[in-house]
Amino acid sequence: MHAGSPERKQPDRQAAIESALRTVATEQAGVAALAAALANGLSEPFATAIDLISRIEGRVIVTGVGKSGHIGAKIAATLASTGTPAFFVHSAEANHGDLGMIARDDAIIAMSWSGETKELMGIVAYSRRFSIPLIAITSGETSALARAADVVLLLPVVPEACPHGLAPTTSTLLQLVMGDALAIALLEARGFTPDHFRTLHPGGQLGANLTRVSEIMRTGDQVPLALLGTKMPEAVMTLSQKKVGCVCIVDASGKLVGIVTDGDVARNLHRNLADVTVDEVMTRTPKTIDPQTLAGTAIAMLNEHNIGALVVIKNKLPVGVVHFHDLLRIGAA
């Protein structure tokens, strides 16, 4: 327990739940107030901010201190990851040399709930001196920051969830929501696609889910194939050798007409399979996928249908097979 903290006591569970519900309700009301503002007077400056950022040749510099600084850092990261080059500069550090990171072709988003944060004034003055566009996110309509800015995204004044009205809670949430709104509007304006997103997120499960099936599917000799009319013993041997849990059944033109799976074999073990052909056993409506489909979609299909593999088809021809293990290997599953 650090200095200045009240004496620790056992929390009341019901009181804690009621407190959580009050917090959520207060913050929901704050977001609703922001939505109402965006639908009315805030719509014009918001659109102006999007136009301004879309026109610059440089980057978006997000700045702030304290809790606003933490939110600003997250907004900068979101902008950068969704196609708008951006980074965060701490307002206090800017006054000690980091102003040199800001160029004339950049734009600045300055964040301060009150709009009177002293540490911001250095970067504000710098933006005015070199005519660098300045966007303010603040609730201080007549504040020093708002008066200096080219565009003011005025947040509604709302109660904090903190019962003492001291800890930034609802206020920082509104800053975050405004930042997300800017990032997504810019994403849509730029035509940012999952392919672009993947380029910026090559690592982790997110990057794996954005991998295309064509990049991980088994091809060539790894694809288990059998012609219509093939006897089941031969199909079972192929099934065993290829180890993907299915055999693709094709007609004379090479088009997929069905599959024989481990399950199909198991369900027919009571029969003498020596003289049975794949035509009698195969599943005639197999689950298939296009090679350009994302790995995340492939996983969803496997889970939805409770199967282990998908046949990859192009122009009705089986060009590959993607197995659950292939998705697991790249970290998508």
Protein backbone atom coordinates (compact mmCIF):
# COMPACT_ATOMS: atom_id res chain seq x y z
CA MET A 1 0.00 0.00 0.00
CA HIS A 2 1.60 3.26 -1.10
CA ALA A 3 1.72 6.47 0.90
CA GLY A 4 -1.50 8.44 0.85
CA SER A 5 -3.74 5.43 0.31
CA PRO A 6 -6.63 4.77 2.70
CA GLU A 7 -6.45 1.75 4.94
CA ARG A 8 -7.15 -1.42 2.99
CA LYS A 9 -10.38 -3.24 3.83
CA GLN A 10 -12.30 -6.19 2.46
CA PRO A 11 -14.45 -4.98 -0.47
CA ASP A 12 -18.21 -5.42 -0.49
CA ARG A 13 -18.90 -7.65 -3.53
CA GLN A 14 -22.39 -6.30 -4.20
CA ALA A 15 -21.19 -2.73 -3.82
CA ALA A 16 -18.40 -3.43 -6.31
CA ILE A 17 -20.89 -4.75 -8.88
CA GLU A 18 -23.15 -1.74 -8.40
CA SER A 19 -20.15 0.56 -8.80
CA ALA A 20 -19.19 -1.17 -12.05
CA LEU A 21 -22.71 -0.77 -13.41
CA ARG A 22 -22.73 2.93 -12.53
CA THR A 23 -19.38 3.38 -14.26
CA VAL A 24 -20.55 1.66 -17.43
CA ALA A 25 -23.81 3.63 -17.45
CA THR A 26 -21.97 6.93 -16.96
CA GLU A 27 -19.51 6.18 -19.74
CA GLN A 28 -22.28 4.95 -22.05
CA ALA A 29 -24.06 8.25 -21.53
CA GLY A 30 -20.84 10.07 -22.36
CA VAL A 31 -20.41 8.18 -25.64
CA ALA A 32 -24.07 8.83 -26.48
CA ALA A 33 -23.48 12.55 -25.95
CA LEU A 34 -20.49 12.39 -28.31
CA ALA A 35 -22.56 10.58 -30.94
CA ALA A 36 -25.22 13.29 -30.67
CA ALA A 37 -22.57 15.98 -31.08
CA LEU A 38 -21.13 14.24 -34.16
CA ALA A 39 -24.60 14.10 -35.68
CA ASN A 40 -24.99 17.85 -35.21
CA GLY A 41 -22.51 20.68 -34.66
CA LEU A 42 -19.39 18.50 -34.50
CA SER A 43 -19.98 16.97 -37.92
CA GLU A 44 -18.54 19.89 -39.89
CA PRO A 45 -15.24 20.21 -38.00
CA PHE A 46 -14.87 16.41 -38.02
CA ALA A 47 -15.22 16.32 -41.82
CA THR A 48 -12.77 19.23 -42.06
CA ALA A 49 -10.24 17.31 -39.95
CA ILE A 50 -10.55 14.29 -42.25
CA ASP A 51 -10.03 16.48 -45.31
CA LEU A 52 -7.02 18.16 -43.70
CA ILE A 53 -5.31 14.91 -42.73
CA SER A 54 -6.05 13.36 -46.12
CA ARG A 55 -4.29 16.24 -47.90
CA ILE A 56 -1.02 16.37 -45.96
CA GLU A 57 2.13 14.89 -47.45
CA GLY A 58 3.69 14.10 -44.08
CA ARG A 59 2.58 12.35 -40.92
CA VAL A 60 0.08 12.95 -38.15
CA ILE A 61 1.78 13.93 -34.89
CA VAL A 62 -0.37 13.19 -31.84
CA THR A 63 0.59 14.96 -28.62
CA GLY A 64 -0.60 15.25 -25.03
CA VAL A 65 0.44 14.70 -21.42
CA GLY A 66 -0.89 12.66 -18.53
CA LYS A 67 -3.91 10.49 -19.29
CA SER A 68 -4.51 12.43 -22.50
CA GLY A 69 -0.97 11.50 -23.49
CA HIS A 70 -1.63 7.80 -22.91
CA ILE A 71 -4.77 8.01 -25.05
CA GLY A 72 -2.86 9.99 -27.66
CA ALA A 73 -0.22 7.29 -27.93
CA LYS A 74 -2.91 4.71 -28.57
CA ILE A 75 -4.57 6.92 -31.19
CA ALA A 76 -1.25 7.39 -32.98
CA ALA A 77 -0.74 3.62 -33.01
CA THR A 78 -4.24 3.05 -34.40
CA LEU A 79 -3.75 5.65 -37.12
CA ALA A 80 -0.41 4.13 -38.13
CA SER A 81 -1.78 0.59 -38.23
CA THR A 82 -4.72 1.60 -40.41
CA GLY A 83 -2.81 3.39 -43.14
CA THR A 84 -2.31 6.92 -41.79
CA PRO A 85 1.38 7.48 -40.96
CA ALA A 86 1.46 8.77 -37.39
CA PHE A 87 3.48 8.80 -34.19
CA PHE A 88 3.18 10.20 -30.69
CA VAL A 89 5.28 13.03 -29.27
CA HIS A 90 5.02 13.71 -25.54
CA SER A 91 4.27 17.39 -25.06
CA ALA A 92 6.86 17.84 -22.32
CA GLU A 93 9.57 16.11 -24.36
CA ALA A 94 8.66 18.28 -27.34
CA ASN A 95 9.81 21.31 -25.34
CA HIS A 96 13.23 19.71 -24.87
CA GLY A 97 14.22 18.89 -28.43
CA ASP A 98 11.51 16.63 -29.84
CA LEU A 99 9.96 19.53 -31.76
CA GLY A 100 12.62 18.71 -34.33
CA MET A 101 10.67 15.54 -35.15
CA ILE A 102 7.81 17.62 -36.56
CA ALA A 103 8.05 18.81 -40.18
CA ARG A 104 6.16 21.46 -42.13
CA ASP A 105 4.23 18.87 -44.15
CA ASP A 106 2.92 17.14 -41.01
CA ALA A 107 -0.29 17.80 -39.07
CA ILE A 108 -0.63 17.88 -35.29
CA ILE A 109 -3.46 16.48 -33.18
CA ALA A 110 -3.18 18.02 -29.71
CA MET A 111 -5.16 16.46 -26.88
CA SER A 112 -6.18 18.18 -23.65
CA TRP A 113 -9.51 17.86 -21.89
CA SER A 114 -9.31 21.38 -20.46
CA GLY A 115 -7.38 22.85 -23.37
CA GLU A 116 -5.17 24.75 -20.93
CA THR A 117 -2.38 22.22 -20.40
CA LYS A 118 0.79 24.30 -20.06
CA GLU A 119 3.08 21.63 -21.51
CA LEU A 120 1.14 21.82 -24.79
CA MET A 121 1.81 25.49 -25.36
CA GLY A 122 5.32 24.96 -26.73
CA ILE A 123 4.15 22.62 -29.47
CA VAL A 124 1.14 24.87 -30.15
CA ALA A 125 3.43 27.88 -30.60
CA TYR A 126 5.71 25.83 -32.86
CA SER A 127 2.77 24.82 -35.05
CA ARG A 128 1.70 28.46 -35.40
CA ARG A 129 5.21 29.69 -36.15
CA PHE A 130 5.75 27.21 -39.00
CA SER A 131 2.11 27.04 -40.21
CA ILE A 132 1.73 23.36 -39.34
CA PRO A 133 -1.97 22.39 -39.29
CA LEU A 134 -3.25 21.96 -35.72
CA ILE A 135 -6.28 19.89 -34.75
CA ALA A 136 -7.45 20.16 -31.14
CA ILE A 137 -9.38 17.45 -29.30
CA THR A 138 -10.69 19.20 -26.19
CA SER A 139 -13.80 20.05 -24.20
CA GLY A 140 -12.54 23.59 -23.57
CA GLU A 141 -14.47 25.61 -26.14
CA THR A 142 -12.74 28.92 -25.30
CA SER A 143 -9.46 27.41 -24.11
CA ALA A 144 -6.02 28.49 -25.29
CA LEU A 145 -5.72 25.29 -27.33
CA ALA A 146 -9.09 25.77 -29.02
CA ARG A 147 -8.33 29.39 -29.86
CA ALA A 148 -5.03 28.44 -31.49
CA ALA A 149 -6.23 25.41 -33.46
CA ASP A 150 -7.18 25.30 -37.13
CA VAL A 151 -9.83 22.68 -36.37
CA VAL A 152 -11.48 22.08 -32.99
CA LEU A 153 -13.08 18.71 -32.29
CA LEU A 154 -15.08 19.87 -29.30
CA LEU A 155 -15.97 17.04 -26.95
CA PRO A 156 -19.14 17.34 -24.86
CA VAL A 157 -18.60 18.12 -21.18
CA VAL A 158 -19.76 14.98 -19.39
CA PRO A 159 -19.54 13.66 -15.81
CA GLU A 160 -16.58 11.47 -14.95
CA ALA A 161 -17.34 7.96 -13.72
CA CYS A 162 -15.10 8.73 -10.74
CA PRO A 163 -17.48 9.59 -7.86
CA HIS A 164 -15.23 12.50 -6.89
CA GLY A 165 -15.06 13.81 -10.44
CA LEU A 166 -11.26 13.66 -10.29
CA ALA A 167 -9.89 10.58 -12.07
CA PRO A 168 -10.14 10.94 -15.88
CA THR A 169 -12.55 8.20 -16.93
CA THR A 170 -15.41 9.27 -19.19
CA SER A 171 -13.27 12.11 -20.52
CA THR A 172 -10.46 9.82 -21.66
CA LEU A 173 -12.99 7.40 -23.15
CA LEU A 174 -14.41 10.19 -25.32
CA GLN A 175 -10.91 11.13 -26.46
CA LEU A 176 -10.29 7.50 -27.39
CA VAL A 177 -13.59 7.19 -29.26
CA MET A 178 -12.89 10.39 -31.18
CA GLY A 179 -9.47 9.05 -32.15
CA ASP A 180 -10.98 5.77 -33.32
CA ALA A 181 -13.60 7.69 -35.31
CA LEU A 182 -10.86 9.65 -37.07
CA ALA A 183 -8.82 6.52 -37.79
CA ILE A 184 -11.72 4.54 -39.24
CA ALA A 185 -13.01 7.46 -41.33
CA LEU A 186 -9.51 7.88 -42.77
CA LEU A 187 -9.22 4.12 -43.33
CA GLU A 188 -12.43 4.14 -45.34
CA ALA A 189 -11.50 7.32 -47.23
CA ARG A 190 -8.17 5.78 -48.27
CA GLY A 191 -9.75 2.50 -49.39
CA PHE A 192 -7.64 0.59 -46.86
CA THR A 193 -8.15 -3.16 -47.41
CA PRO A 194 -7.35 -6.34 -45.45
CA ASP A 195 -4.33 -6.75 -47.74
CA HIS A 196 -2.99 -3.36 -46.64
CA PHE A 197 -3.75 -4.28 -43.03
CA ARG A 198 -1.84 -7.53 -43.36
CA THR A 199 1.21 -5.67 -44.71
CA LEU A 200 1.30 -3.61 -41.52
CA HIS A 201 0.49 -6.57 -39.21
CA PRO A 202 2.66 -9.49 -40.37
CA GLY A 203 3.12 -10.95 -36.89
CA GLY A 204 0.91 -12.75 -34.41
CA GLN A 205 -2.50 -14.30 -34.90
CA LEU A 206 -3.84 -11.18 -36.59
CA GLY A 207 -1.26 -11.41 -39.35
CA ALA A 208 -1.79 -15.15 -39.62
CA ASN A 209 -5.55 -14.76 -40.03
CA LEU A 210 -4.93 -12.32 -42.89
CA THR A 211 -2.77 -14.84 -44.77
CA ARG A 212 -4.40 -16.11 -47.95
CA VAL A 213 -5.25 -19.79 -48.32
CA SER A 214 -3.15 -19.94 -51.51
CA GLU A 215 -0.03 -19.23 -49.44
CA ILE A 216 -0.43 -22.19 -47.10
CA MET A 217 -2.45 -24.81 -48.98
CA ARG A 218 -1.00 -28.16 -50.03
CA THR A 219 -0.54 -28.40 -53.78
CA GLY A 220 0.74 -30.70 -56.52
CA ASP A 221 1.51 -34.25 -55.38
CA GLN A 222 0.33 -33.36 -51.87
CA VAL A 223 -3.28 -33.13 -53.07
CA PRO A 224 -5.04 -36.52 -52.72
CA LEU A 225 -6.92 -37.25 -55.96
CA ALA A 226 -8.97 -40.16 -57.29
CA LEU A 227 -11.09 -40.57 -60.42
CA LEU A 228 -14.75 -41.47 -60.36
CA GLY A 229 -15.00 -45.24 -60.46
CA THR A 230 -11.86 -45.79 -58.38
CA LYS A 231 -12.20 -48.78 -56.05
CA MET A 232 -12.28 -47.96 -52.37
CA PRO A 233 -9.10 -49.90 -51.39
CA GLU A 234 -7.08 -47.63 -53.70
CA ALA A 235 -8.81 -44.53 -52.32
CA VAL A 236 -8.12 -45.67 -48.75
CA MET A 237 -4.44 -46.13 -49.62
CA THR A 238 -4.32 -42.56 -51.01
CA LEU A 239 -6.12 -41.34 -47.92
CA SER A 240 -3.48 -42.97 -45.74
CA GLN A 241 -0.52 -41.70 -47.77
CA LYS A 242 -1.55 -38.05 -48.10
CA LYS A 243 -2.65 -37.64 -44.47
CA VAL A 244 -5.10 -34.78 -44.93
CA GLY A 245 -8.23 -36.70 -43.96
CA CYS A 246 -9.85 -36.73 -47.38
CA VAL A 247 -9.47 -37.71 -51.04
CA CYS A 248 -10.75 -35.38 -53.77
CA ILE A 249 -12.88 -37.25 -56.31
CA VAL A 250 -12.72 -35.81 -59.83
CA ASP A 251 -14.37 -36.61 -63.16
CA ALA A 252 -12.58 -37.18 -66.46
CA SER A 253 -12.20 -33.42 -66.98
CA GLY A 254 -10.55 -33.02 -63.58
CA LYS A 255 -13.48 -31.21 -61.97
CA LEU A 256 -14.30 -31.89 -58.34
CA VAL A 257 -17.43 -33.99 -57.90
CA GLY A 258 -17.04 -35.08 -54.28
CA ILE A 259 -14.68 -36.21 -51.52
CA VAL A 260 -14.12 -39.35 -49.52
CA THR A 261 -13.20 -38.61 -45.91
CA ASP A 262 -11.99 -40.65 -42.97
CA GLY A 263 -15.54 -40.42 -41.69
CA ASP A 264 -17.01 -41.78 -44.92
CA VAL A 265 -14.69 -44.79 -44.69
CA ALA A 266 -15.56 -45.38 -41.03
CA ARG A 267 -19.28 -45.26 -41.78
CA ASN A 268 -18.88 -47.95 -44.46
CA LEU A 269 -16.61 -50.40 -42.64
CA HIS A 270 -19.53 -52.81 -42.25
CA ARG A 271 -19.45 -53.31 -46.02
CA ASN A 272 -16.99 -55.32 -48.09
CA LEU A 273 -15.20 -52.35 -49.65
CA ALA A 274 -13.12 -54.40 -52.08
CA ASP A 275 -15.69 -54.05 -54.86
CA VAL A 276 -17.16 -50.70 -53.79
CA THR A 277 -16.26 -47.58 -55.81
CA VAL A 278 -15.76 -44.08 -54.46
CA ASP A 279 -18.96 -43.03 -56.26
CA GLU A 280 -21.01 -45.00 -53.73
CA VAL A 281 -19.26 -43.63 -50.66
CA MET A 282 -18.22 -40.05 -51.42
CA THR A 283 -19.74 -36.89 -50.02
CA ARG A 284 -21.16 -35.13 -53.08
CA THR A 285 -21.33 -31.62 -51.61
CA PRO A 286 -17.93 -31.09 -50.02
CA LYS A 287 -16.97 -27.86 -48.31
CA THR A 288 -14.68 -25.88 -50.60
CA ILE A 289 -12.83 -22.59 -50.48
CA ASP A 290 -11.29 -20.15 -52.95
CA PRO A 291 -7.48 -19.79 -52.91
CA GLN A 292 -7.75 -16.03 -52.30
CA THR A 293 -9.83 -16.47 -49.14
CA LEU A 294 -8.22 -15.39 -45.87
CA ALA A 295 -6.98 -17.98 -43.38
CA GLY A 296 -9.28 -16.55 -40.72
CA THR A 297 -12.29 -17.40 -42.90
CA ALA A 298 -10.94 -20.91 -43.45
CA ILE A 299 -10.71 -21.45 -39.69
CA ALA A 300 -14.27 -20.23 -39.24
CA MET A 301 -15.50 -22.69 -41.89
CA LEU A 302 -13.65 -25.62 -40.32
CA ASN A 303 -15.09 -24.80 -36.91
CA GLU A 304 -18.60 -24.18 -38.23
CA HIS A 305 -18.80 -27.50 -40.07
CA ASN A 306 -16.65 -29.48 -37.61
CA ILE A 307 -14.31 -30.73 -40.31
CA GLY A 308 -10.53 -31.02 -40.58
CA ALA A 309 -9.81 -29.89 -44.14
CA LEU A 310 -11.16 -27.85 -47.04
CA VAL A 311 -10.69 -28.49 -50.74
CA VAL A 312 -9.35 -25.40 -52.50
CA ILE A 313 -10.98 -24.99 -55.90
CA LYS A 314 -10.53 -22.68 -58.88
CA ASN A 315 -12.87 -22.97 -61.86
CA LYS A 316 -14.26 -26.14 -60.26
CA LEU A 317 -10.81 -27.77 -60.31
CA PRO A 318 -9.18 -28.87 -57.02
CA VAL A 319 -5.93 -26.87 -56.86
CA GLY A 320 -5.10 -27.60 -53.25
CA VAL A 321 -6.16 -28.72 -49.81
CA VAL A 322 -5.87 -26.72 -46.60
CA HIS A 323 -5.84 -28.72 -43.38
CA PHE A 324 -6.39 -27.50 -39.84
CA HIS A 325 -2.74 -28.32 -39.10
CA ASP A 326 -1.64 -25.95 -41.88
CA LEU A 327 -3.53 -23.15 -40.16
CA LEU A 328 -2.18 -24.18 -36.78
CA ARG A 329 1.36 -24.07 -38.16
CA ILE A 330 1.13 -20.37 -39.10
CA GLY A 331 -0.56 -19.45 -35.81
CA ALA A 332 -3.97 -18.72 -37.27
CA ALA A 333 -5.88 -21.37 -35.34
